[in-house]
Amino acid sequence: MVGKGQVSKNAVKHGLAAVAADEETNAIAEKLLAVLCEGQNRSIIARERAREIAELQSLIVRARAAKAELFNNASNEPDLGELLDQYRRIDRYEHRALSRKKTLLRDIY
């Protein structure tokens, strides 16, 4: 079993560490909020949820890009077992983000 410290290092290694709010994330959050709220007066909590969803979407995009890069560089990796382990780790990040995003979307409505 891998400890939390190792998991954290894996996230950094694969470029999946905590997402800092950047302009792109803020723009996505604002667009998402506009779509979700359409004429309704939503609370600060809904706005925060929209921001979290935008950050999760950013993580999902990065995870998918990391998986694609992994496959593109597969010929350079002599150990297919290691390649599969890396894919599984990245896939877990993506699935957690998708699950969290689904929960947040459900909570907004």
Protein backbone atom coordinates (compact mmCIF):
# COMPACT_ATOMS: atom_id res chain seq x y z
CA MET A 1 0.00 0.00 0.00
CA VAL A 2 1.28 3.43 -0.91
CA GLY A 3 1.21 6.20 1.67
CA LYS A 4 -0.25 9.69 1.30
CA GLY A 5 3.20 11.18 0.87
CA GLN A 6 3.93 8.97 -2.13
CA VAL A 7 0.52 9.71 -3.64
CA SER A 8 1.20 13.43 -3.29
CA LYS A 9 4.57 13.04 -5.01
CA ASN A 10 2.88 11.11 -7.83
CA ALA A 11 0.42 13.98 -8.35
CA VAL A 12 3.26 16.46 -8.64
CA LYS A 13 5.24 14.11 -10.88
CA HIS A 14 2.36 13.75 -13.33
CA GLY A 15 1.38 17.43 -13.25
CA LEU A 16 -1.87 16.72 -11.43
CA ALA A 17 -1.18 18.48 -8.14
CA ALA A 18 -3.63 20.96 -6.64
CA VAL A 19 -4.98 23.42 -9.16
CA ALA A 20 -4.24 27.07 -8.58
CA ALA A 21 -6.98 29.43 -9.70
CA ASP A 22 -5.79 30.97 -12.92
CA GLU A 23 -7.44 33.18 -15.51
CA GLU A 24 -8.59 30.21 -17.60
CA THR A 25 -10.18 28.51 -14.59
CA ASN A 26 -11.85 31.77 -13.59
CA ALA A 27 -13.22 32.23 -17.11
CA ILE A 28 -14.56 28.68 -17.19
CA ALA A 29 -16.13 29.18 -13.76
CA GLU A 30 -17.88 32.37 -14.86
CA LYS A 31 -19.22 30.74 -18.04
CA LEU A 32 -20.34 27.71 -16.05
CA LEU A 33 -22.05 29.89 -13.49
CA ALA A 34 -23.87 31.81 -16.22
CA VAL A 35 -25.14 28.58 -17.75
CA LEU A 36 -26.09 27.04 -14.41
CA CYS A 37 -27.80 30.09 -13.04
CA GLU A 38 -29.60 31.42 -16.14
CA GLY A 39 -31.63 34.24 -14.66
CA GLN A 40 -31.64 32.84 -11.16
CA ASN A 41 -30.05 34.57 -8.23
CA ARG A 42 -27.54 31.97 -7.06
CA SER A 43 -25.78 32.07 -3.73
CA ILE A 44 -22.12 32.47 -2.96
CA ILE A 45 -22.05 28.72 -2.31
CA ALA A 46 -23.25 28.04 -5.88
CA ARG A 47 -20.54 30.37 -7.18
CA GLU A 48 -17.90 28.51 -5.16
CA ARG A 49 -19.22 25.18 -6.42
CA ALA A 50 -18.96 26.50 -10.01
CA ARG A 51 -15.35 27.46 -9.35
CA GLU A 52 -14.62 24.00 -7.91
CA ILE A 53 -16.23 22.39 -10.96
CA ALA A 54 -14.07 24.53 -13.25
CA GLU A 55 -10.94 23.50 -11.33
CA LEU A 56 -11.97 19.85 -11.55
CA GLN A 57 -12.57 20.22 -15.28
CA SER A 58 -9.08 21.66 -15.61
CA LEU A 59 -7.70 18.63 -13.72
CA ILE A 60 -9.66 16.26 -15.97
CA VAL A 61 -8.24 17.91 -19.09
CA ARG A 62 -4.69 17.70 -17.69
CA ALA A 63 -5.16 14.04 -16.70
CA ARG A 64 -6.39 13.16 -20.19
CA ALA A 65 -3.47 15.02 -21.74
CA ALA A 66 -1.06 13.18 -19.43
CA LYS A 67 -2.56 9.82 -20.47
CA ALA A 68 -2.26 10.76 -24.16
CA GLU A 69 1.35 11.80 -23.65
CA LEU A 70 2.03 8.54 -21.87
CA PHE A 71 0.77 6.59 -24.87
CA ASN A 72 2.64 8.79 -27.33
CA ASN A 73 5.86 8.09 -25.45
CA ALA A 74 5.10 4.39 -24.90
CA SER A 75 7.76 3.30 -27.36
CA ASN A 76 10.39 4.99 -25.16
CA GLU A 77 9.32 3.01 -22.06
CA PRO A 78 10.95 -0.42 -22.02
CA ASP A 79 8.96 -1.56 -18.96
CA LEU A 80 5.32 -1.99 -19.97
CA GLY A 81 4.41 -2.80 -16.36
CA GLU A 82 5.63 0.62 -15.27
CA LEU A 83 3.75 2.23 -18.14
CA LEU A 84 0.54 0.53 -17.06
CA ASP A 85 1.10 1.57 -13.42
CA GLN A 86 1.53 5.19 -14.47
CA TYR A 87 -1.62 4.99 -16.59
CA ARG A 88 -3.60 3.56 -13.66
CA ARG A 89 -2.41 6.32 -11.34
CA ILE A 90 -3.40 9.06 -13.78
CA ASP A 91 -6.69 7.30 -14.49
CA ARG A 92 -7.52 7.30 -10.75
CA TYR A 93 -7.00 11.08 -10.60
CA GLU A 94 -9.29 11.53 -13.59
CA HIS A 95 -12.02 9.29 -12.16
CA ARG A 96 -11.91 11.01 -8.76
CA ALA A 97 -12.23 14.40 -10.43
CA LEU A 98 -15.13 13.18 -12.59
CA SER A 99 -16.90 11.76 -9.55
CA ARG A 100 -16.41 14.94 -7.52
CA LYS A 101 -17.58 17.07 -10.46
CA LYS A 102 -20.73 14.96 -10.80
CA THR A 103 -21.46 15.35 -7.09
CA LEU A 104 -20.99 19.12 -7.23
CA LEU A 105 -23.24 19.44 -10.28
CA ARG A 106 -25.90 17.44 -8.46
CA ASP A 107 -25.55 19.70 -5.40
CA ILE A 108 -26.03 22.88 -7.45
CA TYR A 109 -29.40 21.71 -8.66
